[in-house]
Amino acid sequence: MDESINKASDVNAILQAIDVFTKPLLDNAPKSKSPLKPVFYKEKKQKLKSMAEELASIKARVESIMAPPQSSNTLDNVM
């Protein structure tokens, strides 16, 4: 039981780290003062945004795996 609690707390810590990492990526973008840099920053911002979205989808999958089963057709109920 302690091992499953440790795994759950590890997963929660990972999910919190993903949140901390992705929030600034989605909210902020570097501001450029040079006319040559906007394209570079736009590409970097798009890459960071896609990485953040991918991390968010991973987080959602992990949360769905860690969620308790919602179905009433578990093996215990059938037997």
N, C-alpha and C. Protein backbone atom coordinates (compact mmCIF):
# COMPACT_ATOMS: atom_id res chain seq x y z
N MET A 1 0.83 -1.19 0.00
CA MET A 1 0.00 0.00 0.00
C MET A 1 0.88 1.25 0.00
N ASP A 2 1.92 1.25 0.82
CA ASP A 2 2.81 2.41 0.87
C ASP A 2 3.46 2.66 -0.49
N GLU A 3 3.77 1.57 -1.21
CA GLU A 3 4.40 1.72 -2.52
C GLU A 3 3.45 2.40 -3.50
N SER A 4 2.16 2.05 -3.46
CA SER A 4 1.21 2.70 -4.38
C SER A 4 1.01 4.17 -4.01
N ILE A 5 1.06 4.49 -2.72
CA ILE A 5 0.96 5.88 -2.29
C ILE A 5 2.17 6.66 -2.78
N ASN A 6 3.35 6.05 -2.67
CA ASN A 6 4.57 6.70 -3.15
C ASN A 6 4.51 6.94 -4.66
N LYS A 7 4.01 5.93 -5.42
CA LYS A 7 3.89 6.09 -6.86
C LYS A 7 2.91 7.20 -7.20
N ALA A 8 1.79 7.25 -6.47
CA ALA A 8 0.80 8.29 -6.73
C ALA A 8 1.37 9.67 -6.42
N SER A 9 2.13 9.79 -5.34
CA SER A 9 2.71 11.10 -5.01
C SER A 9 3.78 11.47 -6.02
N ASP A 10 4.52 10.48 -6.53
CA ASP A 10 5.51 10.75 -7.58
C ASP A 10 4.82 11.26 -8.84
N VAL A 11 3.72 10.61 -9.21
CA VAL A 11 2.97 11.03 -10.40
C VAL A 11 2.42 12.44 -10.20
N ASN A 12 1.88 12.71 -9.02
CA ASN A 12 1.36 14.05 -8.75
C ASN A 12 2.46 15.10 -8.82
N ALA A 13 3.64 14.77 -8.33
CA ALA A 13 4.77 15.69 -8.41
C ALA A 13 5.16 15.95 -9.86
N ILE A 14 5.14 14.91 -10.67
CA ILE A 14 5.46 15.06 -12.09
C ILE A 14 4.41 15.94 -12.77
N LEU A 15 3.14 15.72 -12.45
CA LEU A 15 2.07 16.51 -13.05
C LEU A 15 2.19 17.98 -12.66
N GLN A 16 2.55 18.23 -11.40
CA GLN A 16 2.74 19.62 -10.97
C GLN A 16 3.93 20.25 -11.69
N ALA A 17 4.98 19.48 -11.89
CA ALA A 17 6.14 20.00 -12.61
C ALA A 17 5.77 20.33 -14.06
N ILE A 18 4.95 19.49 -14.67
CA ILE A 18 4.49 19.77 -16.03
C ILE A 18 3.70 21.07 -16.06
N ASP A 19 2.82 21.27 -15.08
CA ASP A 19 2.05 22.51 -15.00
C ASP A 19 2.97 23.72 -14.87
N VAL A 20 3.95 23.62 -13.98
CA VAL A 20 4.87 24.73 -13.75
C VAL A 20 5.66 25.04 -15.03
N PHE A 21 6.02 24.00 -15.76
CA PHE A 21 6.81 24.19 -16.98
C PHE A 21 5.96 24.73 -18.13
N THR A 22 4.75 24.21 -18.30
CA THR A 22 3.96 24.57 -19.47
C THR A 22 3.26 25.92 -19.37
N LYS A 23 2.88 26.33 -18.17
CA LYS A 23 2.13 27.60 -18.03
C LYS A 23 2.90 28.78 -18.61
N PRO A 24 4.16 29.00 -18.24
CA PRO A 24 4.89 30.13 -18.83
C PRO A 24 5.08 29.99 -20.34
N LEU A 25 5.21 28.77 -20.82
CA LEU A 25 5.41 28.57 -22.26
C LEU A 25 4.16 28.98 -23.03
N LEU A 26 3.01 28.67 -22.48
CA LEU A 26 1.77 29.00 -23.16
C LEU A 26 1.41 30.47 -23.01
N ASP A 27 1.79 31.08 -21.90
CA ASP A 27 1.38 32.46 -21.61
C ASP A 27 2.34 33.51 -22.15
N ASN A 28 3.62 33.21 -22.16
CA ASN A 28 4.61 34.24 -22.50
C ASN A 28 5.39 33.86 -23.75
N ALA A 29 5.79 34.87 -24.46
CA ALA A 29 6.67 34.67 -25.60
C ALA A 29 7.74 35.75 -25.55
N PRO A 30 8.94 35.43 -25.97
CA PRO A 30 9.97 36.46 -25.97
C PRO A 30 9.59 37.60 -26.91
N LYS A 31 9.88 38.81 -26.49
CA LYS A 31 9.59 39.99 -27.30
C LYS A 31 10.87 40.39 -28.03
N SER A 32 10.74 40.68 -29.30
CA SER A 32 11.89 41.02 -30.11
C SER A 32 11.87 42.50 -30.47
N LYS A 33 13.05 43.12 -30.47
CA LYS A 33 13.18 44.52 -30.86
C LYS A 33 13.80 44.64 -32.26
N SER A 34 14.37 43.58 -32.74
CA SER A 34 15.01 43.59 -34.05
C SER A 34 14.03 43.11 -35.12
N PRO A 35 14.02 43.75 -36.29
CA PRO A 35 13.09 43.30 -37.34
C PRO A 35 13.44 41.94 -37.91
N LEU A 36 14.66 41.47 -37.70
CA LEU A 36 15.06 40.17 -38.23
C LEU A 36 14.67 39.01 -37.31
N LYS A 37 14.43 39.30 -36.06
CA LYS A 37 14.20 38.23 -35.09
C LYS A 37 12.75 37.75 -34.96
N PRO A 38 11.73 38.50 -35.36
CA PRO A 38 10.37 38.00 -35.13
C PRO A 38 10.10 36.62 -35.73
N VAL A 39 10.64 36.35 -36.91
CA VAL A 39 10.41 35.03 -37.51
C VAL A 39 11.05 33.95 -36.65
N PHE A 40 12.27 34.19 -36.19
CA PHE A 40 12.96 33.23 -35.33
C PHE A 40 12.15 32.99 -34.06
N TYR A 41 11.72 34.08 -33.41
CA TYR A 41 10.96 33.93 -32.17
C TYR A 41 9.60 33.29 -32.42
N LYS A 42 9.00 33.59 -33.56
CA LYS A 42 7.71 32.99 -33.88
C LYS A 42 7.86 31.48 -34.03
N GLU A 43 8.92 31.04 -34.71
CA GLU A 43 9.18 29.61 -34.85
C GLU A 43 9.45 28.96 -33.50
N LYS A 44 10.28 29.61 -32.69
CA LYS A 44 10.59 29.07 -31.36
C LYS A 44 9.34 29.02 -30.49
N LYS A 45 8.54 30.09 -30.56
CA LYS A 45 7.31 30.12 -29.77
C LYS A 45 6.39 28.98 -30.19
N GLN A 46 6.27 28.74 -31.49
CA GLN A 46 5.41 27.67 -31.98
C GLN A 46 5.93 26.31 -31.52
N LYS A 47 7.25 26.11 -31.56
CA LYS A 47 7.82 24.85 -31.08
C LYS A 47 7.56 24.66 -29.60
N LEU A 48 7.76 25.73 -28.82
CA LEU A 48 7.52 25.64 -27.38
C LEU A 48 6.05 25.39 -27.09
N LYS A 49 5.19 26.03 -27.85
CA LYS A 49 3.75 25.84 -27.65
C LYS A 49 3.36 24.40 -27.97
N SER A 50 3.90 23.84 -29.04
CA SER A 50 3.57 22.45 -29.38
C SER A 50 4.13 21.49 -28.32
N MET A 51 5.31 21.81 -27.78
CA MET A 51 5.85 20.98 -26.70
C MET A 51 4.96 21.06 -25.47
N ALA A 52 4.50 22.27 -25.14
CA ALA A 52 3.63 22.45 -23.98
C ALA A 52 2.31 21.72 -24.18
N GLU A 53 1.76 21.77 -25.39
CA GLU A 53 0.52 21.05 -25.66
C GLU A 53 0.72 19.54 -25.56
N GLU A 54 1.87 19.07 -26.03
CA GLU A 54 2.16 17.64 -25.94
C GLU A 54 2.29 17.22 -24.47
N LEU A 55 2.97 18.04 -23.67
CA LEU A 55 3.07 17.74 -22.24
C LEU A 55 1.70 17.77 -21.57
N ALA A 56 0.84 18.68 -21.98
CA ALA A 56 -0.51 18.74 -21.42
C ALA A 56 -1.30 17.49 -21.79
N SER A 57 -1.12 16.98 -23.00
CA SER A 57 -1.83 15.75 -23.38
C SER A 57 -1.27 14.55 -22.62
N ILE A 58 0.03 14.53 -22.39
CA ILE A 58 0.62 13.46 -21.57
C ILE A 58 0.07 13.53 -20.16
N LYS A 59 -0.03 14.73 -19.62
CA LYS A 59 -0.59 14.91 -18.28
C LYS A 59 -2.02 14.39 -18.22
N ALA A 60 -2.83 14.70 -19.23
CA ALA A 60 -4.22 14.23 -19.26
C ALA A 60 -4.28 12.71 -19.31
N ARG A 61 -3.41 12.10 -20.10
CA ARG A 61 -3.39 10.63 -20.17
C ARG A 61 -2.98 10.02 -18.84
N VAL A 62 -1.97 10.60 -18.20
CA VAL A 62 -1.52 10.08 -16.90
C VAL A 62 -2.64 10.22 -15.87
N GLU A 63 -3.32 11.38 -15.88
CA GLU A 63 -4.42 11.57 -14.94
C GLU A 63 -5.54 10.57 -15.18
N SER A 64 -5.82 10.27 -16.45
CA SER A 64 -6.89 9.30 -16.73
C SER A 64 -6.48 7.90 -16.30
N ILE A 65 -5.20 7.59 -16.41
CA ILE A 65 -4.71 6.28 -15.96
C ILE A 65 -4.76 6.18 -14.44
N MET A 66 -4.40 7.28 -13.77
CA MET A 66 -4.36 7.27 -12.31
C MET A 66 -5.74 7.38 -11.68
N ALA A 67 -6.74 7.81 -12.43
CA ALA A 67 -8.09 7.97 -11.89
C ALA A 67 -8.67 6.61 -11.53
N PRO A 68 -9.46 6.55 -10.46
CA PRO A 68 -10.09 5.28 -10.12
C PRO A 68 -11.09 4.90 -11.20
N PRO A 69 -11.29 3.60 -11.40
CA PRO A 69 -12.22 3.16 -12.45
C PRO A 69 -13.63 3.65 -12.16
N GLN A 70 -14.32 4.13 -13.19
CA GLN A 70 -15.68 4.65 -13.04
C GLN A 70 -16.72 3.58 -13.35
N SER A 71 -16.32 2.50 -13.97
CA SER A 71 -17.26 1.47 -14.38
C SER A 71 -17.69 0.62 -13.19
N SER A 72 -18.94 0.21 -13.21
CA SER A 72 -19.43 -0.68 -12.15
C SER A 72 -19.26 -2.14 -12.53
N ASN A 73 -18.74 -2.41 -13.72
CA ASN A 73 -18.55 -3.78 -14.19
C ASN A 73 -17.14 -4.28 -13.87
N THR A 74 -16.70 -4.08 -12.67
CA THR A 74 -15.39 -4.59 -12.29
C THR A 74 -15.50 -6.08 -12.00
N LEU A 75 -14.39 -6.72 -11.94
CA LEU A 75 -14.35 -8.16 -11.71
C LEU A 75 -14.99 -8.51 -10.37
N ASP A 76 -14.80 -7.68 -9.35
CA ASP A 76 -15.38 -7.95 -8.04
C ASP A 76 -16.91 -7.92 -8.10
N ASN A 77 -17.46 -7.00 -8.86
CA ASN A 77 -18.91 -6.91 -8.96
C ASN A 77 -19.51 -8.04 -9.77
N VAL A 78 -18.78 -8.55 -10.75
CA VAL A 78 -19.29 -9.63 -11.58
C VAL A 78 -19.34 -10.92 -10.80
N MET A 79 -18.35 -11.17 -9.97
CA MET A 79 -18.28 -12.42 -9.22
C MET A 79 -19.09 -12.28 -8.00
